[in-house]
């Protein structure tokens, strides 16, 4: 009697380790991009290149995945950094949901797996882009995101522009980090002029703390390179320190999410989900559930979906390929480190509804 239980425990532990081994490299990539954004990008100048309109901002954020090709484990730290740096909510949410799919690595792997069905490739990209833009647009309308994010994130968000004063606009820049400490400091913003990291326009490293020096900053879109800050030994040290603290913070959440995903996979047999039906509707529901439970990385999930191509509808395969990278168990755990439960529930339900409707249309049009 104990043998089946031991086999289940072994299977669960193997799944748990495989999820961690698959996810940790991409989490590290995301943490690296997040730390680079913190240390080497001047967010005040970067804002000049980002559309203010929620819809255009969501589209911009959804396409940033081509520059930051991260998996669904690496998109959360980057999206969190975008929020903390003061970028519009529409950009961060659009990136959060589009980056796992709208990037060259995933598009290439999907084409390799479904080269005989090219419509799967471009429909996956199109549906992911539509859903990410709509979600970013909806949340971008919210001027103040503080009620929707965790308290430790809310404390680090800049004040909404709607309530900002002229004094706020000329306030010396603030270095904001997500963890519980920064170089021995408490969980409070550290002003850039208080540490020898901020490089002035001359590159000398001498910083004037007078407000006039910040008032005179003008952002010109003609010089895109001006948004990047010259690297220095101190800034490289800051990158490494921030990587360590973000990885410690998000790594624990990833371990918990992977454990829950492995437990559910063992407790709920995959055959039960796959046996829900082959109709145009129930097959989509089955693959939505499967995509949320198995937590396969988006760089290889196309090959996993290919194994069901002979028995499942094209719409259901798209449901797995679109919804899985956006929302799976370990990703939800990471999202809860940024957003409150209510906001995550809204995001998951909206993403599931839009995926269901779009893929159902595919089933009925192709059947």
Protein backbone atom coordinates (compact mmCIF):
# COMPACT_ATOMS: atom_id res chain seq x y z
CA UNK A 1 0.00 0.00 0.00
CA UNK A 2 2.89 2.31 0.71
CA UNK A 3 4.46 1.79 -2.70
CA UNK A 4 1.96 3.96 -4.68
CA UNK A 5 2.34 6.74 -2.11
CA UNK A 6 6.13 6.57 -2.31
CA UNK A 7 5.93 6.66 -6.10
CA UNK A 8 3.70 9.73 -5.93
CA UNK A 9 6.10 11.44 -3.54
CA UNK A 10 9.03 10.64 -5.83
CA UNK A 11 7.12 11.95 -8.83
CA UNK A 12 6.15 15.11 -6.97
CA UNK A 13 9.70 15.77 -5.83
CA UNK A 14 11.03 15.16 -9.34
CA UNK A 15 8.47 17.59 -10.78
CA UNK A 16 9.36 20.13 -8.10
CA UNK A 17 13.07 19.96 -8.93
CA UNK A 18 12.42 20.07 -12.68
CA UNK A 19 10.30 23.21 -12.31
CA UNK A 20 13.00 24.89 -10.24
CA UNK A 21 15.83 23.90 -12.61
CA UNK A 22 13.80 25.18 -15.55
CA UNK A 23 12.70 28.44 -13.92
CA UNK A 24 15.74 29.63 -11.94
CA UNK A 25 17.89 30.64 -14.96
CA UNK A 26 15.09 32.81 -16.32
CA UNK A 27 14.44 34.32 -12.91
CA UNK A 28 18.13 35.24 -12.78
CA UNK A 29 17.88 36.85 -16.22
CA UNK A 30 14.87 38.86 -15.08
CA UNK A 31 16.61 39.94 -11.89
CA UNK A 32 19.65 40.98 -13.94
CA UNK A 33 17.53 43.13 -16.27
CA UNK A 34 15.75 44.61 -13.25
CA UNK A 35 19.05 45.55 -11.59
CA UNK A 36 20.40 47.06 -14.81
CA UNK A 37 17.25 49.17 -15.14
CA UNK A 38 17.74 50.33 -11.57
CA UNK A 39 21.41 51.25 -11.86
CA UNK A 40 22.14 52.21 -15.45
CA UNK A 41 18.90 53.76 -16.77
CA UNK A 42 17.72 57.27 -15.87
CA UNK A 43 13.98 56.75 -15.53
CA UNK A 44 13.25 60.49 -15.68
CA UNK A 45 14.63 60.66 -19.21
CA UNK A 46 13.24 57.28 -20.21
CA UNK A 47 9.72 58.54 -19.48
CA UNK A 48 10.04 61.00 -22.37
CA UNK A 49 10.05 58.13 -24.86
CA UNK A 50 6.98 56.35 -23.48
CA UNK A 51 3.46 57.23 -24.72
CA UNK A 52 1.21 58.76 -22.06
CA UNK A 53 -1.96 57.26 -23.51
CA UNK A 54 -2.87 54.01 -21.68
CA UNK A 55 -3.57 52.10 -24.90
CA UNK A 56 -0.35 53.19 -26.62
CA UNK A 57 1.59 52.63 -23.41
CA UNK A 58 0.23 49.09 -23.14
CA UNK A 59 1.21 48.42 -26.76
CA UNK A 60 4.68 49.83 -26.10
CA UNK A 61 5.13 47.66 -23.01
CA UNK A 62 3.87 44.57 -24.82
CA UNK A 63 6.51 44.96 -27.52
CA UNK A 64 9.39 45.57 -25.08
CA UNK A 65 9.74 41.79 -24.80
CA UNK A 66 11.79 41.89 -27.98
CA UNK A 67 14.40 43.89 -26.04
CA UNK A 68 14.08 41.87 -22.80
CA UNK A 69 13.53 38.23 -23.88
CA UNK A 70 12.58 36.83 -20.46
CA UNK A 71 10.45 33.84 -19.56
CA UNK A 72 7.37 34.00 -17.32
CA UNK A 73 9.66 33.77 -14.30
CA UNK A 74 11.84 36.69 -15.39
CA UNK A 75 9.09 39.08 -16.42
CA UNK A 76 7.83 39.73 -12.88
CA UNK A 77 11.02 41.34 -11.48
CA UNK A 78 11.36 43.46 -14.63
CA UNK A 79 7.70 44.55 -14.50
CA UNK A 80 8.07 45.38 -10.82
CA UNK A 81 11.14 47.45 -11.58
CA UNK A 82 9.26 49.34 -14.30
CA UNK A 83 6.55 50.23 -11.78
CA UNK A 84 9.02 51.32 -9.12
CA UNK A 85 10.98 53.39 -11.63
CA UNK A 86 7.81 55.38 -12.24
CA UNK A 87 6.84 54.07 -15.67
CA UNK A 88 3.12 54.02 -16.51
CA UNK A 89 1.10 51.09 -15.21
CA UNK A 90 -0.02 50.24 -18.74
CA UNK A 91 3.60 49.68 -19.79
CA UNK A 92 4.40 47.42 -16.83
CA UNK A 93 1.23 45.32 -17.09
CA UNK A 94 1.55 45.04 -20.87
CA UNK A 95 5.12 43.82 -20.47
CA UNK A 96 4.14 41.45 -17.65
CA UNK A 97 1.68 39.53 -19.82
CA UNK A 98 3.31 39.83 -23.25
CA UNK A 99 7.01 39.30 -22.51
CA UNK A 100 6.81 35.50 -21.99
CA UNK A 101 5.42 35.09 -25.52
CA UNK A 102 6.25 38.23 -27.52
CA UNK A 103 9.97 37.63 -27.68
CA UNK A 104 12.18 36.18 -30.43
CA UNK A 105 13.18 33.03 -28.54
CA UNK A 106 9.61 31.87 -27.91
CA UNK A 107 8.44 32.79 -31.41
CA UNK A 108 11.31 30.80 -32.91
CA UNK A 109 10.66 27.74 -30.73
CA UNK A 110 6.95 27.84 -31.59
CA UNK A 111 7.76 27.98 -35.29
CA UNK A 112 10.13 25.00 -34.96
CA UNK A 113 7.42 22.96 -33.23
CA UNK A 114 4.53 24.00 -35.50
CA UNK A 115 6.24 24.69 -38.80
CA UNK A 116 3.53 22.61 -40.49
CA UNK A 117 0.87 24.80 -38.87
CA UNK A 118 2.18 28.37 -39.22
CA UNK A 119 -1.21 29.76 -38.23
CA UNK A 120 -0.55 28.50 -34.68
CA UNK A 121 2.57 30.67 -34.54
CA UNK A 122 1.10 33.96 -35.65
CA UNK A 123 -2.20 33.43 -33.83
CA UNK A 124 -0.28 32.78 -30.62
CA UNK A 125 1.59 36.06 -31.04
CA UNK A 126 -1.54 37.98 -32.07
CA UNK A 127 -3.73 36.68 -29.24
CA UNK A 128 -1.01 37.26 -26.63
CA UNK A 129 -0.51 40.80 -27.89
CA UNK A 130 -4.23 41.58 -27.85
CA UNK A 131 -4.72 40.24 -24.33
CA UNK A 132 -1.64 42.01 -22.94
CA UNK A 133 -2.61 45.33 -24.53
CA UNK A 134 -6.19 45.13 -23.23
CA UNK A 135 -5.04 44.26 -19.70
CA UNK A 136 -2.45 47.04 -19.75
CA UNK A 137 -5.05 49.48 -21.06
CA UNK A 138 -7.57 48.56 -18.35
CA UNK A 139 -5.06 48.91 -15.51
CA UNK A 140 -3.43 51.94 -17.14
CA UNK A 141 -6.60 53.95 -16.64
CA UNK A 142 -6.00 53.69 -12.89
CA UNK A 143 -4.09 56.85 -11.94
CA UNK A 144 -2.98 55.58 -8.54
CA UNK A 145 -1.93 51.92 -8.44
CA UNK A 146 -1.29 51.87 -4.69
CA UNK A 147 -4.60 50.20 -3.74
CA UNK A 148 -3.74 47.27 -6.04
CA UNK A 149 -0.13 46.54 -5.04
CA UNK A 150 1.46 45.10 -1.93
CA UNK A 151 2.20 47.66 0.83
CA UNK A 152 5.99 47.34 0.49
CA UNK A 153 5.67 48.08 -3.24
CA UNK A 154 3.18 50.92 -2.66
CA UNK A 155 5.65 52.69 -0.37
CA UNK A 156 8.21 52.74 -3.17
CA UNK A 157 5.92 53.90 -5.97
CA UNK A 158 6.25 57.56 -7.00
CA UNK A 159 3.32 59.83 -6.28
CA UNK A 160 0.68 59.92 -9.02
CA UNK A 161 1.34 62.73 -11.47
CA UNK A 162 -2.21 63.94 -10.91
CA UNK A 163 -1.40 64.80 -7.30
CA UNK A 164 2.20 65.88 -7.76
CA UNK A 165 3.29 69.46 -7.21
CA UNK A 166 6.01 71.50 -8.82
CA UNK A 167 8.16 70.84 -5.77
CA UNK A 168 7.78 67.11 -6.35
CA UNK A 169 8.89 67.51 -9.95
CA UNK A 170 12.17 69.16 -8.94
CA UNK A 171 12.80 66.84 -6.00
CA UNK A 172 16.24 65.23 -6.23
CA UNK A 173 15.97 61.74 -7.73
CA UNK A 174 15.32 58.85 -5.41
CA UNK A 175 16.87 55.41 -5.63
CA UNK A 176 14.16 52.85 -5.00
CA UNK A 177 14.72 49.17 -4.45
CA UNK A 178 12.24 46.37 -3.79
CA UNK A 179 13.92 44.33 -1.10
CA UNK A 180 14.18 44.66 2.64
CA UNK A 181 17.53 46.39 2.57
CA UNK A 182 19.98 48.17 0.31
CA UNK A 183 23.66 48.23 1.19
CA UNK A 184 22.81 47.94 4.89
CA UNK A 185 19.98 50.52 4.78
CA UNK A 186 16.42 49.99 5.91
CA UNK A 187 13.44 49.66 3.63
CA UNK A 188 13.45 53.37 2.82
CA UNK A 189 14.31 55.23 -0.40
CA UNK A 190 17.98 56.17 -0.55
CA UNK A 191 18.68 59.51 -2.20
CA UNK A 192 21.16 59.27 -5.02
CA UNK A 193 23.16 62.24 -3.80
CA UNK A 194 23.76 60.44 -0.51
CA UNK A 195 25.87 57.74 -2.17
CA UNK A 196 28.66 58.18 -4.75
CA UNK A 197 26.78 56.60 -7.63
CA UNK A 198 25.03 59.37 -9.53
CA UNK A 199 27.08 60.48 -12.49
CA UNK A 200 26.56 64.07 -13.55
CA UNK A 201 26.29 65.27 -17.10
CA UNK A 202 30.02 65.85 -17.22
CA UNK A 203 30.71 62.30 -16.04
CA UNK A 204 32.87 63.56 -13.20
CA UNK A 205 30.67 62.10 -10.53
CA UNK A 206 30.39 65.45 -8.71
CA UNK A 207 26.81 66.00 -7.67
CA UNK A 208 25.16 69.28 -6.94
CA UNK A 209 22.32 68.88 -4.48
CA UNK A 210 20.78 72.24 -5.19
CA UNK A 211 17.28 72.09 -6.58
CA UNK A 212 18.28 74.27 -9.52
CA UNK A 213 20.49 71.50 -10.83
CA UNK A 214 17.42 69.29 -11.12
CA UNK A 215 15.16 72.01 -12.48
CA UNK A 216 17.52 72.53 -15.38
CA UNK A 217 17.22 68.93 -16.56
CA UNK A 218 15.58 68.90 -19.96
CA UNK A 219 14.71 65.74 -21.80
CA UNK A 220 15.34 65.65 -25.51
CA UNK A 221 14.09 62.77 -27.58
CA UNK A 222 16.80 63.41 -30.10
CA UNK A 223 19.42 61.84 -27.87
CA UNK A 224 18.15 58.41 -26.81
CA UNK A 225 21.54 57.46 -25.38
CA UNK A 226 21.09 60.11 -22.68
CA UNK A 227 18.77 57.81 -20.72
CA UNK A 228 21.71 55.51 -19.93
CA UNK A 229 24.00 56.30 -17.01
CA UNK A 230 27.71 55.69 -17.39
CA UNK A 231 28.65 52.51 -15.49
CA UNK A 232 31.04 52.75 -12.58
CA UNK A 233 32.46 50.35 -10.03
CA UNK A 234 29.92 51.51 -7.45
CA UNK A 235 27.01 51.01 -9.84
CA UNK A 236 28.22 47.54 -10.82
CA UNK A 237 28.40 46.71 -7.12
CA UNK A 238 24.86 48.00 -6.72
CA UNK A 239 23.72 45.75 -9.58
CA UNK A 240 25.18 42.69 -7.87
CA UNK A 241 23.76 43.63 -4.46
CA UNK A 242 20.30 44.25 -5.90
CA UNK A 243 20.43 40.96 -7.83
CA UNK A 244 21.17 39.10 -4.60
CA UNK A 245 18.34 40.69 -2.64
CA UNK A 246 15.76 40.38 -5.44
CA UNK A 247 16.71 36.76 -6.06
CA UNK A 248 16.38 36.01 -2.34
CA UNK A 249 13.01 37.73 -2.25
CA UNK A 250 11.52 36.21 -5.42
CA UNK A 251 13.36 32.90 -5.19
CA UNK A 252 11.47 31.94 -2.05
CA UNK A 253 8.17 32.69 -3.77
CA UNK A 254 9.27 30.63 -6.78
CA UNK A 255 10.11 27.65 -4.55
CA UNK A 256 6.68 27.82 -2.92
CA UNK A 257 4.89 28.16 -6.26
CA UNK A 258 6.83 25.25 -7.76
CA UNK A 259 6.00 23.07 -4.76
CA UNK A 260 2.29 23.85 -5.10
CA UNK A 261 2.40 23.19 -8.86
CA UNK A 262 4.11 19.82 -8.31
CA UNK A 263 1.62 18.89 -5.59
CA UNK A 264 -1.37 19.67 -7.80
CA UNK A 265 0.10 17.75 -10.73
CA UNK A 266 0.48 14.68 -8.52
CA UNK A 267 -2.89 15.08 -6.78
CA UNK A 268 -4.85 15.86 -9.98
CA UNK A 269 -3.96 13.30 -12.67
CA UNK A 270 -3.28 14.80 -16.08
CA UNK A 271 -5.54 12.15 -17.61
CA UNK A 272 -8.47 13.64 -15.71
CA UNK A 273 -7.92 17.04 -17.29
CA UNK A 274 -7.34 15.62 -20.75
CA UNK A 275 -10.46 13.49 -20.42
CA UNK A 276 -12.76 16.47 -19.95
CA UNK A 277 -13.74 16.23 -23.59
CA UNK A 278 -12.80 16.78 -27.19
CA UNK A 279 -15.54 19.24 -28.08
CA UNK A 280 -14.64 22.77 -29.22
CA UNK A 281 -15.55 24.16 -25.79
CA UNK A 282 -14.46 21.54 -23.25
CA UNK A 283 -11.13 21.00 -25.01
CA UNK A 284 -10.32 24.69 -24.53
CA UNK A 285 -11.28 24.50 -20.86
CA UNK A 286 -9.10 21.41 -20.41
CA UNK A 287 -6.04 23.04 -21.98
CA UNK A 288 -6.57 26.26 -20.03
CA UNK A 289 -6.45 24.21 -16.83
CA UNK A 290 -3.48 22.22 -18.06
CA UNK A 291 -1.57 25.37 -18.99
CA UNK A 292 -2.13 26.83 -15.54
CA UNK A 293 -1.13 23.67 -13.69
CA UNK A 294 1.87 22.18 -15.50
CA UNK A 295 3.84 25.48 -15.41
CA UNK A 296 5.99 24.69 -18.46
CA UNK A 297 8.41 27.44 -19.44
CA UNK A 298 7.28 29.37 -22.52
CA UNK A 299 10.54 28.65 -24.33
CA UNK A 300 9.70 24.93 -24.55
CA UNK A 301 5.92 24.77 -24.06
CA UNK A 302 5.32 24.58 -27.83
CA UNK A 303 6.91 21.11 -27.93
CA UNK A 304 4.76 20.06 -24.97
CA UNK A 305 1.63 21.26 -26.79
CA UNK A 306 2.74 19.51 -29.98
CA UNK A 307 2.28 16.14 -28.27
CA UNK A 308 -1.48 16.86 -28.08
CA UNK A 309 -1.84 18.13 -31.65
CA UNK A 310 -3.23 14.84 -32.96
CA UNK A 311 -6.08 14.62 -30.45
CA UNK A 312 -6.90 18.20 -29.44
CA UNK A 313 -8.37 21.07 -31.44
CA UNK A 314 -6.25 23.94 -32.74
CA UNK A 315 -8.11 26.37 -30.50
CA UNK A 316 -7.33 24.33 -27.41
CA UNK A 317 -3.63 24.18 -28.34
CA UNK A 318 -3.67 27.97 -28.68
CA UNK A 319 -5.39 28.25 -25.30
CA UNK A 320 -2.50 26.34 -23.73
CA UNK A 321 0.16 28.34 -25.60
CA UNK A 322 -1.42 31.73 -24.84
CA UNK A 323 -2.73 31.33 -21.29
CA UNK A 324 0.00 29.11 -19.84
CA UNK A 325 2.88 31.62 -20.15
CA UNK A 326 0.68 34.42 -18.81
CA UNK A 327 -0.81 32.64 -15.82
CA UNK A 328 0.49 29.49 -14.19
CA UNK A 329 0.80 28.56 -10.56
CA UNK A 330 4.39 29.65 -10.04
CA UNK A 331 3.79 32.90 -11.97
CA UNK A 332 0.77 33.70 -9.82
CA UNK A 333 2.98 33.29 -6.76
CA UNK A 334 5.47 35.77 -8.19
CA UNK A 335 2.68 38.18 -9.14
CA UNK A 336 1.42 38.10 -5.56
CA UNK A 337 4.78 39.54 -4.49
CA UNK A 338 3.83 42.69 -6.43
CA UNK A 339 0.03 42.89 -6.58
CA UNK A 340 -2.61 42.30 -3.96
CA UNK A 341 -4.75 39.18 -4.21
CA UNK A 342 -7.72 41.11 -5.58
CA UNK A 343 -5.69 42.57 -8.44
CA UNK A 344 -4.17 39.18 -9.30
CA UNK A 345 -7.64 37.61 -9.36
CA UNK A 346 -8.83 40.34 -11.74
CA UNK A 347 -5.84 39.82 -14.02
CA UNK A 348 -6.20 36.03 -14.06
CA UNK A 349 -9.95 36.10 -14.73
CA UNK A 350 -9.65 38.69 -17.50
CA UNK A 351 -6.79 36.80 -19.16
CA UNK A 352 -8.71 33.51 -18.95
CA UNK A 353 -11.91 35.02 -20.33
CA UNK A 354 -10.21 36.67 -23.29
CA UNK A 355 -8.17 33.54 -24.06
CA UNK A 356 -11.31 31.41 -23.91
CA UNK A 357 -13.28 33.67 -26.25
CA UNK A 358 -10.50 34.07 -28.81
CA UNK A 359 -9.66 30.37 -28.95
CA UNK A 360 -13.33 29.35 -29.09
CA UNK A 361 -13.65 31.52 -32.21
CA UNK A 362 -10.71 29.65 -33.72
CA UNK A 363 -12.33 26.29 -33.02
CA UNK A 364 -15.64 27.22 -34.59
CA UNK A 365 -14.04 28.91 -37.59
CA UNK A 366 -11.70 25.96 -38.29
CA UNK A 367 -14.17 23.18 -37.52
